[in-house]
Amino acid sequence: MQIAVLLYDRFTALDAIGPFDTLGRLPGAETVFVAERPGPVRNDSGMLALVADKGLDEVTRPDIVIVPGGLVEEQLKNQALLDWLRTVDVTTTWTTSVCTGSLLLAAAGLLSGRRATSHWLALEQLPAFGVEPTGERVVIDGKYVTAAGVSSGIDMGLTLLGRIAGDRVAQSVQLLIEYDPQPPYDAGSPDKAPADLVAEWRGMSPAELG
């Protein structure tokens, strides 16, 4: 089984690494990082790079595709990337995204008429693509699995790992990565965070959010 993690300029690192460190532990799986061209790809802060092993033309039939979020505005117009998503989706078993990666799936026309999630600041953009937004942390609609913001990619990876390999394998991975969240603050969603903080971030421009 081949798992393809898509990289593009200004992606969010944890969106890619969370699923890599969970779903990527699937027994017998080969995980490949793929981008338009092989080589280093910078994250949204520009301070970290992951290396794409292969170009889009070299990965044509992955079993699972993972699309991380990030500063996706330019990528929503990137026809090479969108065409690749449409092409590989024909034969994928699972097509997945984390955070604003769902906007890329939606822009490729893959989520039309489906339920999906995204980062809470991006949910309102989904209806423009004919997608029903939901604030759930992980959403499964057919073979499409979308996760909410950033850290939820870990949950998505474990959820899908359980679907594919069974609960015990998923529980083992959770145990081995010691994923036992006990955050010091209860402010991880707009429903829980202080209202003025939520309003402050809603007022930011996309460039400021990056």
N, C-alpha and C. Protein backbone atom coordinates (compact mmCIF):
# COMPACT_ATOMS: atom_id res chain seq x y z
N MET A 1 0.85 -1.20 0.00
CA MET A 1 0.00 0.00 0.00
C MET A 1 0.88 1.24 0.00
N GLN A 2 0.59 2.18 -0.90
CA GLN A 2 1.36 3.42 -0.96
C GLN A 2 0.54 4.58 -0.41
N ILE A 3 1.16 5.32 0.50
CA ILE A 3 0.55 6.52 1.06
C ILE A 3 1.32 7.72 0.53
N ALA A 4 0.65 8.63 -0.16
CA ALA A 4 1.28 9.81 -0.73
C ALA A 4 0.91 11.03 0.08
N VAL A 5 1.90 11.72 0.62
CA VAL A 5 1.69 12.96 1.36
C VAL A 5 2.07 14.11 0.43
N LEU A 6 1.11 14.92 0.07
CA LEU A 6 1.34 16.02 -0.86
C LEU A 6 2.00 17.19 -0.14
N LEU A 7 3.05 17.74 -0.74
CA LEU A 7 3.70 18.94 -0.25
C LEU A 7 3.59 20.06 -1.28
N TYR A 8 3.47 21.28 -0.81
CA TYR A 8 3.43 22.44 -1.69
C TYR A 8 3.97 23.63 -0.89
N ASP A 9 4.36 24.67 -1.58
CA ASP A 9 4.94 25.82 -0.91
C ASP A 9 3.99 26.41 0.12
N ARG A 10 4.46 26.57 1.35
CA ARG A 10 3.72 27.15 2.48
C ARG A 10 2.71 26.18 3.11
N PHE A 11 2.99 24.89 3.03
CA PHE A 11 2.16 23.91 3.73
C PHE A 11 2.41 24.03 5.23
N THR A 12 1.50 23.48 6.05
CA THR A 12 1.68 23.46 7.50
C THR A 12 2.30 22.13 7.91
N ALA A 13 3.42 22.21 8.61
CA ALA A 13 4.23 21.02 8.87
C ALA A 13 3.47 19.92 9.64
N LEU A 14 2.80 20.28 10.73
CA LEU A 14 2.14 19.25 11.54
C LEU A 14 1.00 18.59 10.78
N ASP A 15 0.40 19.31 9.83
CA ASP A 15 -0.65 18.71 9.00
C ASP A 15 -0.13 17.49 8.25
N ALA A 16 1.13 17.55 7.84
CA ALA A 16 1.73 16.44 7.12
C ALA A 16 2.34 15.41 8.07
N ILE A 17 2.99 15.89 9.12
CA ILE A 17 3.72 14.99 10.01
C ILE A 17 2.79 14.22 10.94
N GLY A 18 1.67 14.82 11.35
CA GLY A 18 0.72 14.11 12.21
C GLY A 18 0.24 12.81 11.58
N PRO A 19 -0.31 12.87 10.35
CA PRO A 19 -0.72 11.63 9.69
C PRO A 19 0.46 10.72 9.36
N PHE A 20 1.62 11.30 9.02
CA PHE A 20 2.80 10.49 8.73
C PHE A 20 3.19 9.64 9.93
N ASP A 21 3.12 10.21 11.12
CA ASP A 21 3.55 9.49 12.32
C ASP A 21 2.45 8.61 12.91
N THR A 22 1.29 8.61 12.32
CA THR A 22 0.21 7.72 12.78
C THR A 22 -0.16 6.74 11.65
N LEU A 23 -0.80 7.24 10.63
CA LEU A 23 -1.20 6.39 9.52
C LEU A 23 0.01 5.80 8.80
N GLY A 24 1.12 6.54 8.81
CA GLY A 24 2.32 6.05 8.16
C GLY A 24 2.92 4.81 8.81
N ARG A 25 2.44 4.45 10.01
CA ARG A 25 2.91 3.24 10.69
C ARG A 25 2.10 2.02 10.30
N LEU A 26 1.21 2.16 9.34
CA LEU A 26 0.42 1.03 8.86
C LEU A 26 1.35 -0.08 8.39
N PRO A 27 1.18 -1.28 8.91
CA PRO A 27 2.07 -2.38 8.53
C PRO A 27 2.12 -2.59 7.01
N GLY A 28 3.32 -2.62 6.47
CA GLY A 28 3.49 -2.88 5.05
C GLY A 28 3.32 -1.68 4.15
N ALA A 29 3.07 -0.51 4.73
CA ALA A 29 2.82 0.67 3.91
C ALA A 29 4.13 1.35 3.52
N GLU A 30 4.12 1.94 2.34
CA GLU A 30 5.22 2.79 1.89
C GLU A 30 4.69 4.22 1.84
N THR A 31 5.34 5.11 2.57
CA THR A 31 4.92 6.51 2.57
C THR A 31 5.89 7.33 1.74
N VAL A 32 5.35 8.12 0.82
CA VAL A 32 6.17 8.94 -0.04
C VAL A 32 5.69 10.39 0.03
N PHE A 33 6.63 11.31 0.16
CA PHE A 33 6.31 12.73 0.09
C PHE A 33 6.44 13.16 -1.36
N VAL A 34 5.40 13.82 -1.88
CA VAL A 34 5.35 14.16 -3.29
C VAL A 34 5.02 15.63 -3.48
N ALA A 35 5.64 16.25 -4.47
CA ALA A 35 5.39 17.66 -4.79
C ALA A 35 5.51 17.83 -6.30
N GLU A 36 5.26 19.04 -6.78
CA GLU A 36 5.39 19.26 -8.22
C GLU A 36 6.75 18.84 -8.73
N ARG A 37 7.79 19.13 -7.93
CA ARG A 37 9.15 18.73 -8.26
C ARG A 37 9.80 18.14 -7.02
N PRO A 38 10.62 17.10 -7.18
CA PRO A 38 11.34 16.55 -6.03
C PRO A 38 12.25 17.61 -5.40
N GLY A 39 12.48 17.46 -4.10
CA GLY A 39 13.37 18.37 -3.41
C GLY A 39 12.71 19.00 -2.20
N PRO A 40 13.41 19.91 -1.52
CA PRO A 40 12.87 20.53 -0.31
C PRO A 40 11.70 21.46 -0.60
N VAL A 41 10.71 21.42 0.28
CA VAL A 41 9.53 22.28 0.18
C VAL A 41 9.36 22.98 1.53
N ARG A 42 9.24 24.29 1.50
CA ARG A 42 9.18 25.08 2.73
C ARG A 42 7.77 25.13 3.31
N ASN A 43 7.72 25.16 4.64
CA ASN A 43 6.43 25.23 5.32
C ASN A 43 5.92 26.66 5.38
N ASP A 44 4.79 26.87 6.07
CA ASP A 44 4.13 28.17 6.05
C ASP A 44 4.93 29.28 6.73
N SER A 45 5.83 28.92 7.64
CA SER A 45 6.67 29.94 8.26
C SER A 45 7.94 30.19 7.47
N GLY A 46 8.25 29.29 6.55
CA GLY A 46 9.48 29.39 5.79
C GLY A 46 10.71 28.91 6.53
N MET A 47 10.53 28.45 7.76
CA MET A 47 11.67 28.09 8.60
C MET A 47 11.96 26.59 8.61
N LEU A 48 11.11 25.81 7.98
CA LEU A 48 11.28 24.36 7.97
C LEU A 48 11.01 23.84 6.57
N ALA A 49 11.76 22.84 6.16
CA ALA A 49 11.52 22.22 4.86
C ALA A 49 11.42 20.71 5.02
N LEU A 50 10.49 20.11 4.31
CA LEU A 50 10.45 18.66 4.16
C LEU A 50 10.87 18.34 2.73
N VAL A 51 11.44 17.18 2.53
CA VAL A 51 11.94 16.81 1.21
C VAL A 51 10.92 15.94 0.49
N ALA A 52 10.51 16.40 -0.68
CA ALA A 52 9.64 15.59 -1.54
C ALA A 52 10.50 14.55 -2.26
N ASP A 53 10.18 13.29 -2.06
CA ASP A 53 10.95 12.22 -2.68
C ASP A 53 10.70 12.15 -4.19
N LYS A 54 9.47 12.50 -4.59
CA LYS A 54 9.09 12.32 -5.98
C LYS A 54 8.25 13.48 -6.47
N GLY A 55 8.23 13.65 -7.79
CA GLY A 55 7.36 14.63 -8.41
C GLY A 55 5.99 14.04 -8.66
N LEU A 56 5.02 14.91 -8.97
CA LEU A 56 3.64 14.45 -9.17
C LEU A 56 3.55 13.41 -10.28
N ASP A 57 4.37 13.57 -11.31
CA ASP A 57 4.29 12.64 -12.44
C ASP A 57 4.83 11.25 -12.11
N GLU A 58 5.51 11.12 -10.95
CA GLU A 58 6.07 9.82 -10.57
C GLU A 58 5.16 9.03 -9.64
N VAL A 59 4.14 9.68 -9.11
CA VAL A 59 3.21 9.01 -8.18
C VAL A 59 1.83 9.06 -8.82
N THR A 60 1.41 7.96 -9.40
CA THR A 60 0.20 7.97 -10.22
C THR A 60 -0.95 7.12 -9.67
N ARG A 61 -0.64 6.19 -8.76
CA ARG A 61 -1.71 5.32 -8.24
C ARG A 61 -1.54 5.05 -6.74
N PRO A 62 -1.44 6.11 -5.93
CA PRO A 62 -1.34 5.86 -4.49
C PRO A 62 -2.65 5.30 -3.95
N ASP A 63 -2.55 4.50 -2.91
CA ASP A 63 -3.75 3.96 -2.27
C ASP A 63 -4.41 4.99 -1.36
N ILE A 64 -3.57 5.81 -0.73
CA ILE A 64 -4.06 6.85 0.17
C ILE A 64 -3.35 8.15 -0.17
N VAL A 65 -4.11 9.23 -0.26
CA VAL A 65 -3.55 10.56 -0.46
C VAL A 65 -3.84 11.40 0.78
N ILE A 66 -2.82 12.09 1.25
CA ILE A 66 -2.97 13.01 2.38
C ILE A 66 -2.62 14.41 1.91
N VAL A 67 -3.57 15.33 2.05
CA VAL A 67 -3.36 16.71 1.62
C VAL A 67 -3.32 17.60 2.85
N PRO A 68 -2.14 18.09 3.23
CA PRO A 68 -2.07 18.98 4.39
C PRO A 68 -2.61 20.36 4.05
N GLY A 69 -2.93 21.12 5.09
CA GLY A 69 -3.34 22.50 4.89
C GLY A 69 -2.13 23.41 4.89
N GLY A 70 -2.41 24.69 4.91
CA GLY A 70 -1.36 25.69 4.88
C GLY A 70 -1.91 26.97 4.28
N LEU A 71 -1.05 27.77 3.71
CA LEU A 71 -1.49 28.98 3.01
C LEU A 71 -1.83 28.57 1.58
N VAL A 72 -3.07 28.21 1.37
CA VAL A 72 -3.46 27.50 0.15
C VAL A 72 -3.95 28.41 -0.98
N GLU A 73 -4.00 29.73 -0.74
CA GLU A 73 -4.62 30.61 -1.73
C GLU A 73 -4.04 30.41 -3.13
N GLU A 74 -2.72 30.39 -3.25
CA GLU A 74 -2.10 30.21 -4.56
C GLU A 74 -2.35 28.81 -5.12
N GLN A 75 -2.38 27.83 -4.24
CA GLN A 75 -2.57 26.46 -4.69
C GLN A 75 -3.99 26.20 -5.20
N LEU A 76 -4.94 27.00 -4.76
CA LEU A 76 -6.31 26.84 -5.26
C LEU A 76 -6.40 27.14 -6.75
N LYS A 77 -5.38 27.80 -7.29
CA LYS A 77 -5.33 28.11 -8.72
C LYS A 77 -4.25 27.31 -9.43
N ASN A 78 -3.63 26.38 -8.73
CA ASN A 78 -2.55 25.57 -9.28
C ASN A 78 -3.13 24.37 -10.01
N GLN A 79 -3.28 24.50 -11.32
CA GLN A 79 -3.95 23.45 -12.08
C GLN A 79 -3.17 22.14 -12.10
N ALA A 80 -1.85 22.21 -12.06
CA ALA A 80 -1.06 20.98 -12.04
C ALA A 80 -1.37 20.17 -10.79
N LEU A 81 -1.45 20.85 -9.66
CA LEU A 81 -1.75 20.18 -8.40
C LEU A 81 -3.18 19.66 -8.39
N LEU A 82 -4.13 20.50 -8.81
CA LEU A 82 -5.54 20.09 -8.80
C LEU A 82 -5.78 18.94 -9.78
N ASP A 83 -5.13 18.99 -10.94
CA ASP A 83 -5.29 17.91 -11.92
C ASP A 83 -4.73 16.60 -11.36
N TRP A 84 -3.62 16.69 -10.63
CA TRP A 84 -3.05 15.48 -10.04
C TRP A 84 -4.01 14.88 -9.01
N LEU A 85 -4.62 15.73 -8.20
CA LEU A 85 -5.58 15.23 -7.22
C LEU A 85 -6.75 14.53 -7.90
N ARG A 86 -7.26 15.13 -8.97
CA ARG A 86 -8.38 14.51 -9.70
C ARG A 86 -7.97 13.16 -10.29
N THR A 87 -6.78 13.11 -10.83
CA THR A 87 -6.31 11.90 -11.50
C THR A 87 -6.10 10.76 -10.52
N VAL A 88 -5.38 11.01 -9.43
CA VAL A 88 -5.10 9.91 -8.50
C VAL A 88 -6.34 9.51 -7.73
N ASP A 89 -7.28 10.44 -7.56
CA ASP A 89 -8.50 10.12 -6.81
C ASP A 89 -9.32 9.03 -7.48
N VAL A 90 -9.15 8.87 -8.77
CA VAL A 90 -9.90 7.84 -9.50
C VAL A 90 -9.61 6.46 -8.94
N THR A 91 -8.38 6.25 -8.49
CA THR A 91 -8.00 4.90 -8.04
C THR A 91 -7.64 4.82 -6.56
N THR A 92 -7.70 5.92 -5.82
CA THR A 92 -7.39 5.84 -4.39
C THR A 92 -8.44 5.02 -3.63
N THR A 93 -8.00 4.43 -2.55
CA THR A 93 -8.93 3.81 -1.61
C THR A 93 -9.45 4.86 -0.64
N TRP A 94 -8.55 5.76 -0.23
CA TRP A 94 -8.90 6.86 0.67
C TRP A 94 -8.24 8.14 0.18
N THR A 95 -9.02 9.21 0.13
CA THR A 95 -8.50 10.53 -0.18
C THR A 95 -8.75 11.41 1.04
N THR A 96 -7.68 11.97 1.61
CA THR A 96 -7.82 12.63 2.91
C THR A 96 -7.18 14.02 2.91
N SER A 97 -7.57 14.79 3.91
CA SER A 97 -6.98 16.13 4.08
C SER A 97 -6.94 16.49 5.55
N VAL A 98 -6.09 17.45 5.84
CA VAL A 98 -6.01 18.04 7.17
C VAL A 98 -6.13 19.54 7.01
N CYS A 99 -6.89 20.17 7.91
CA CYS A 99 -6.98 21.62 7.96
C CYS A 99 -7.47 22.17 6.60
N THR A 100 -6.84 23.22 6.09
CA THR A 100 -7.28 23.82 4.83
C THR A 100 -6.94 22.98 3.62
N GLY A 101 -6.35 21.82 3.82
CA GLY A 101 -6.19 20.88 2.72
C GLY A 101 -7.52 20.50 2.11
N SER A 102 -8.59 20.55 2.91
CA SER A 102 -9.92 20.23 2.36
C SER A 102 -10.35 21.24 1.30
N LEU A 103 -9.84 22.48 1.38
CA LEU A 103 -10.16 23.46 0.34
C LEU A 103 -9.55 23.04 -0.99
N LEU A 104 -8.39 22.41 -0.95
CA LEU A 104 -7.78 21.93 -2.18
C LEU A 104 -8.57 20.77 -2.77
N LEU A 105 -9.01 19.84 -1.91
CA LEU A 105 -9.88 18.76 -2.41
C LEU A 105 -11.16 19.33 -2.98
N ALA A 106 -11.71 20.34 -2.30
CA ALA A 106 -12.95 20.95 -2.78
C ALA A 106 -12.73 21.67 -4.10
N ALA A 107 -11.62 22.39 -4.24
CA ALA A 107 -11.32 23.11 -5.47
C ALA A 107 -11.12 22.15 -6.64
N ALA A 108 -10.68 20.94 -6.34
CA ALA A 108 -10.52 19.92 -7.37
C ALA A 108 -11.85 19.25 -7.72
N GLY A 109 -12.91 19.63 -7.00
CA GLY A 109 -14.24 19.08 -7.27
C GLY A 109 -14.51 17.74 -6.63
N LEU A 110 -13.67 17.33 -5.68
CA LEU A 110 -13.78 15.99 -5.11
C LEU A 110 -14.75 15.90 -3.95
N LEU A 111 -15.11 17.04 -3.37
CA LEU A 111 -15.99 17.02 -2.20
C LEU A 111 -17.39 17.56 -2.49
N SER A 112 -17.70 17.79 -3.73
CA SER A 112 -19.01 18.35 -4.09
C SER A 112 -20.15 17.48 -3.56
N GLY A 113 -21.08 18.12 -2.84
CA GLY A 113 -22.21 17.40 -2.29
C GLY A 113 -21.90 16.57 -1.06
N ARG A 114 -20.69 16.70 -0.55
CA ARG A 114 -20.28 15.91 0.60
C ARG A 114 -20.13 16.78 1.85
N ARG A 115 -20.09 16.13 3.01
CA ARG A 115 -19.78 16.79 4.26
C ARG A 115 -18.28 16.79 4.45
N ALA A 116 -17.75 17.87 4.98
CA ALA A 116 -16.31 17.95 5.22
C ALA A 116 -16.03 18.97 6.30
N THR A 117 -14.82 18.89 6.83
CA THR A 117 -14.39 19.86 7.82
C THR A 117 -13.10 20.51 7.37
N SER A 118 -12.65 21.48 8.14
CA SER A 118 -11.44 22.24 7.82
C SER A 118 -11.05 23.00 9.08
N HIS A 119 -10.03 23.83 8.99
CA HIS A 119 -9.72 24.73 10.09
C HIS A 119 -10.94 25.61 10.35
N TRP A 120 -11.21 25.94 11.60
CA TRP A 120 -12.43 26.69 11.93
C TRP A 120 -12.48 28.05 11.22
N LEU A 121 -11.32 28.62 10.91
CA LEU A 121 -11.32 29.90 10.20
C LEU A 121 -11.60 29.75 8.71
N ALA A 122 -11.60 28.51 8.21
CA ALA A 122 -11.81 28.27 6.78
C ALA A 122 -13.13 27.59 6.46
N LEU A 123 -13.88 27.18 7.48
CA LEU A 123 -15.12 26.43 7.24
C LEU A 123 -16.09 27.17 6.32
N GLU A 124 -16.17 28.49 6.46
CA GLU A 124 -17.13 29.26 5.67
C GLU A 124 -16.78 29.31 4.19
N GLN A 125 -15.59 28.87 3.83
CA GLN A 125 -15.20 28.85 2.42
C GLN A 125 -15.68 27.60 1.69
N LEU A 126 -16.01 26.56 2.43
CA LEU A 126 -16.39 25.29 1.81
C LEU A 126 -17.68 25.36 0.99
N PRO A 127 -18.75 26.05 1.44
CA PRO A 127 -19.98 26.07 0.65
C PRO A 127 -19.81 26.61 -0.76
N ALA A 128 -18.85 27.48 -0.98
CA ALA A 128 -18.62 28.02 -2.33
C ALA A 128 -18.23 26.92 -3.31
N PHE A 129 -17.74 25.80 -2.79
CA PHE A 129 -17.37 24.67 -3.63
C PHE A 129 -18.43 23.57 -3.62
N GLY A 130 -19.60 23.87 -3.07
CA GLY A 130 -20.67 22.89 -3.02
C GLY A 130 -20.49 21.85 -1.93
N VAL A 131 -19.77 22.23 -0.87
CA VAL A 131 -19.47 21.30 0.22
C VAL A 131 -20.23 21.72 1.47
N GLU A 132 -20.75 20.74 2.20
CA GLU A 132 -21.45 21.02 3.45
C GLU A 132 -20.44 21.05 4.60
N PRO A 133 -20.20 22.20 5.21
CA PRO A 133 -19.20 22.28 6.27
C PRO A 133 -19.72 21.74 7.59
N THR A 134 -18.82 21.15 8.36
CA THR A 134 -19.17 20.69 9.69
C THR A 134 -17.98 20.95 10.60
N GLY A 135 -18.26 21.28 11.84
CA GLY A 135 -17.20 21.57 12.79
C GLY A 135 -16.65 20.34 13.48
N GLU A 136 -17.03 19.15 13.02
CA GLU A 136 -16.51 17.92 13.65
C GLU A 136 -15.00 17.82 13.44
N ARG A 137 -14.35 17.10 14.32
CA ARG A 137 -12.88 17.01 14.26
C ARG A 137 -12.41 16.13 13.11
N VAL A 138 -13.09 15.02 12.88
CA VAL A 138 -12.78 14.13 11.76
C VAL A 138 -14.10 13.75 11.09
N VAL A 139 -14.16 13.90 9.78
CA VAL A 139 -15.38 13.59 9.04
C VAL A 139 -15.07 12.55 7.97
N ILE A 140 -15.84 11.48 7.95
CA ILE A 140 -15.71 10.45 6.92
C ILE A 140 -16.98 10.46 6.08
N ASP A 141 -16.83 10.71 4.79
CA ASP A 141 -17.95 10.69 3.85
C ASP A 141 -17.52 9.87 2.65
N GLY A 142 -17.95 8.63 2.61
CA GLY A 142 -17.46 7.72 1.58
C GLY A 142 -15.99 7.45 1.80
N LYS A 143 -15.20 7.60 0.75
CA LYS A 143 -13.76 7.37 0.88
C LYS A 143 -13.00 8.65 1.23
N TYR A 144 -13.72 9.72 1.47
CA TYR A 144 -13.10 11.02 1.76
C TYR A 144 -13.08 11.26 3.27
N VAL A 145 -11.89 11.52 3.78
CA VAL A 145 -11.70 11.74 5.22
C VAL A 145 -11.06 13.11 5.39
N THR A 146 -11.76 14.02 6.05
CA THR A 146 -11.22 15.35 6.28
C THR A 146 -11.08 15.58 7.78
N ALA A 147 -10.02 16.28 8.15
CA ALA A 147 -9.76 16.60 9.55
C ALA A 147 -9.77 18.11 9.72
N ALA A 148 -10.09 18.54 10.92
CA ALA A 148 -10.14 19.97 11.22
C ALA A 148 -8.72 20.53 11.30
N GLY A 149 -8.47 21.51 12.14
CA GLY A 149 -7.20 22.21 12.11
C GLY A 149 -6.02 21.43 12.66
N VAL A 150 -4.93 21.47 11.95
CA VAL A 150 -3.56 21.12 12.33
C VAL A 150 -3.45 19.85 13.16
N SER A 151 -3.60 19.95 14.48
CA SER A 151 -3.37 18.80 15.36
C SER A 151 -4.37 17.68 15.11
N SER A 152 -5.51 17.99 14.51
CA SER A 152 -6.52 16.95 14.27
C SER A 152 -6.05 15.93 13.23
N GLY A 153 -4.97 16.23 12.53
CA GLY A 153 -4.42 15.25 11.60
C GLY A 153 -3.95 13.99 12.31
N ILE A 154 -3.56 14.13 13.57
CA ILE A 154 -3.19 12.95 14.36
C ILE A 154 -4.42 12.08 14.58
N ASP A 155 -5.53 12.71 14.93
CA ASP A 155 -6.79 11.98 15.13
C ASP A 155 -7.25 11.31 13.84
N MET A 156 -7.12 12.05 12.74
CA MET A 156 -7.51 11.49 11.45
C MET A 156 -6.68 10.26 11.12
N GLY A 157 -5.36 10.35 11.34
CA GLY A 157 -4.49 9.22 11.06
C GLY A 157 -4.86 8.00 11.88
N LEU A 158 -5.12 8.20 13.17
CA LEU A 158 -5.49 7.09 14.03
C LEU A 158 -6.86 6.52 13.65
N THR A 159 -7.80 7.41 13.31
CA THR A 159 -9.13 6.96 12.90
C THR A 159 -9.05 6.06 11.68
N LEU A 160 -8.31 6.51 10.67
CA LEU A 160 -8.22 5.73 9.44
C LEU A 160 -7.39 4.47 9.65
N LEU A 161 -6.38 4.55 10.49
CA LEU A 161 -5.58 3.37 10.81
C LEU A 161 -6.46 2.29 11.43
N GLY A 162 -7.37 2.70 12.31
CA GLY A 162 -8.29 1.73 12.91
C GLY A 162 -9.21 1.12 11.88
N ARG A 163 -9.68 1.94 10.93
CA ARG A 163 -10.56 1.44 9.88
C ARG A 163 -9.85 0.39 9.03
N ILE A 164 -8.58 0.62 8.74
CA ILE A 164 -7.85 -0.24 7.82
C ILE A 164 -7.28 -1.47 8.51
N ALA A 165 -6.64 -1.26 9.66
CA ALA A 165 -5.88 -2.33 10.30
C ALA A 165 -6.50 -2.85 11.59
N GLY A 166 -7.55 -2.19 12.07
CA GLY A 166 -8.21 -2.65 13.28
C GLY A 166 -7.84 -1.82 14.50
N ASP A 167 -8.69 -1.90 15.50
CA ASP A 167 -8.53 -1.08 16.70
C ASP A 167 -7.20 -1.34 17.42
N ARG A 168 -6.80 -2.60 17.48
CA ARG A 168 -5.60 -2.91 18.26
C ARG A 168 -4.35 -2.25 17.65
N VAL A 169 -4.27 -2.25 16.34
CA VAL A 169 -3.12 -1.60 15.69
C VAL A 169 -3.15 -0.10 15.96
N ALA A 170 -4.33 0.50 15.83
CA ALA A 170 -4.45 1.94 16.08
C ALA A 170 -4.14 2.27 17.53
N GLN A 171 -4.61 1.45 18.44
CA GLN A 171 -4.33 1.68 19.86
C GLN A 171 -2.84 1.51 20.16
N SER A 172 -2.21 0.57 19.49
CA SER A 172 -0.77 0.38 19.68
C SER A 172 0.00 1.60 19.22
N VAL A 173 -0.37 2.15 18.07
CA VAL A 173 0.31 3.34 17.57
C VAL A 173 0.08 4.51 18.53
N GLN A 174 -1.16 4.67 18.99
CA GLN A 174 -1.44 5.75 19.95
C GLN A 174 -0.59 5.61 21.20
N LEU A 175 -0.45 4.37 21.65
CA LEU A 175 0.35 4.12 22.85
C LEU A 175 1.83 4.43 22.59
N LEU A 176 2.35 3.99 21.45
CA LEU A 176 3.77 4.14 21.17
C LEU A 176 4.17 5.59 20.94
N ILE A 177 3.24 6.40 20.39
CA ILE A 177 3.57 7.83 20.24
C ILE A 177 3.14 8.62 21.48
N GLU A 178 2.60 7.90 22.46
CA GLU A 178 2.13 8.48 23.73
C GLU A 178 1.23 9.68 23.47
N TYR A 179 0.23 9.44 22.62
CA TYR A 179 -0.72 10.51 22.30
C TYR A 179 -1.81 10.51 23.37
N ASP A 180 -1.61 11.30 24.39
CA ASP A 180 -2.51 11.37 25.55
C ASP A 180 -2.67 12.84 25.91
N PRO A 181 -3.38 13.61 25.09
CA PRO A 181 -3.40 15.07 25.24
C PRO A 181 -3.92 15.52 26.61
N GLN A 182 -3.16 16.38 27.24
CA GLN A 182 -3.55 17.02 28.50
C GLN A 182 -3.10 18.47 28.43
N PRO A 183 -3.73 19.26 27.55
CA PRO A 183 -3.26 20.63 27.32
C PRO A 183 -3.42 21.52 28.55
N PRO A 184 -2.53 22.49 28.69
CA PRO A 184 -2.59 23.38 29.85
C PRO A 184 -3.74 24.37 29.79
N TYR A 185 -4.35 24.51 28.61
CA TYR A 185 -5.47 25.44 28.44
C TYR A 185 -6.61 24.72 27.73
N ASP A 186 -7.83 25.14 28.00
CA ASP A 186 -9.00 24.60 27.31
C ASP A 186 -9.49 25.65 26.32
N ALA A 187 -8.65 25.91 25.32
CA ALA A 187 -8.94 26.96 24.35
C ALA A 187 -8.70 26.47 22.92
N GLY A 188 -8.89 25.16 22.70
CA GLY A 188 -8.53 24.57 21.42
C GLY A 188 -9.59 24.63 20.35
N SER A 189 -10.72 25.27 20.62
CA SER A 189 -11.75 25.44 19.59
C SER A 189 -12.43 26.78 19.82
N PRO A 190 -13.07 27.33 18.78
CA PRO A 190 -13.73 28.63 18.96
C PRO A 190 -14.87 28.58 19.95
N ASP A 191 -15.40 27.39 20.25
CA ASP A 191 -16.47 27.27 21.23
C ASP A 191 -15.94 27.35 22.66
N LYS A 192 -14.64 27.10 22.83
CA LYS A 192 -14.06 27.04 24.17
C LYS A 192 -13.16 28.23 24.48
N ALA A 193 -12.53 28.79 23.46
CA ALA A 193 -11.58 29.88 23.66
C ALA A 193 -12.30 31.16 24.08
N PRO A 194 -11.61 32.10 24.74
CA PRO A 194 -12.23 33.39 25.08
C PRO A 194 -12.78 34.07 23.83
N ALA A 195 -13.98 34.61 23.93
CA ALA A 195 -14.66 35.19 22.77
C ALA A 195 -13.85 36.30 22.12
N ASP A 196 -13.17 37.11 22.94
CA ASP A 196 -12.40 38.21 22.35
C ASP A 196 -11.20 37.70 21.57
N LEU A 197 -10.66 36.56 21.99
CA LEU A 197 -9.54 35.97 21.27
C LEU A 197 -10.00 35.42 19.92
N VAL A 198 -11.16 34.76 19.93
CA VAL A 198 -11.73 34.25 18.69
C VAL A 198 -12.00 35.39 17.72
N ALA A 199 -12.59 36.48 18.24
CA ALA A 199 -12.89 37.64 17.40
C ALA A 199 -11.62 38.26 16.82
N GLU A 200 -10.57 38.29 17.62
CA GLU A 200 -9.30 38.84 17.15
C GLU A 200 -8.76 38.07 15.96
N TRP A 201 -8.80 36.73 16.05
CA TRP A 201 -8.28 35.92 14.97
C TRP A 201 -9.20 35.92 13.75
N ARG A 202 -10.50 36.03 13.98
CA ARG A 202 -11.42 36.13 12.83
C ARG A 202 -11.16 37.41 12.04
N GLY A 203 -10.63 38.42 12.70
CA GLY A 203 -10.38 39.68 12.03
C GLY A 203 -9.07 39.74 11.28
N MET A 204 -8.27 38.70 11.38
CA MET A 204 -6.97 38.68 10.70
C MET A 204 -7.13 38.39 9.21
N SER A 205 -6.23 38.93 8.41
CA SER A 205 -6.20 38.60 6.98
C SER A 205 -5.47 37.27 6.82
N PRO A 206 -5.67 36.55 5.69
CA PRO A 206 -4.96 35.29 5.47
C PRO A 206 -3.46 35.43 5.61
N ALA A 207 -2.89 36.55 5.14
CA ALA A 207 -1.45 36.74 5.21
C ALA A 207 -0.99 36.83 6.67
N GLU A 208 -1.80 37.48 7.50
CA GLU A 208 -1.44 37.61 8.91
C GLU A 208 -1.55 36.28 9.63
N LEU A 209 -2.47 35.44 9.20
CA LEU A 209 -2.63 34.14 9.83
C LEU A 209 -1.41 33.27 9.61
N GLY A 210 -0.71 33.49 8.52
CA GLY A 210 0.47 32.68 8.24
C GLY A 210 1.67 33.13 9.02
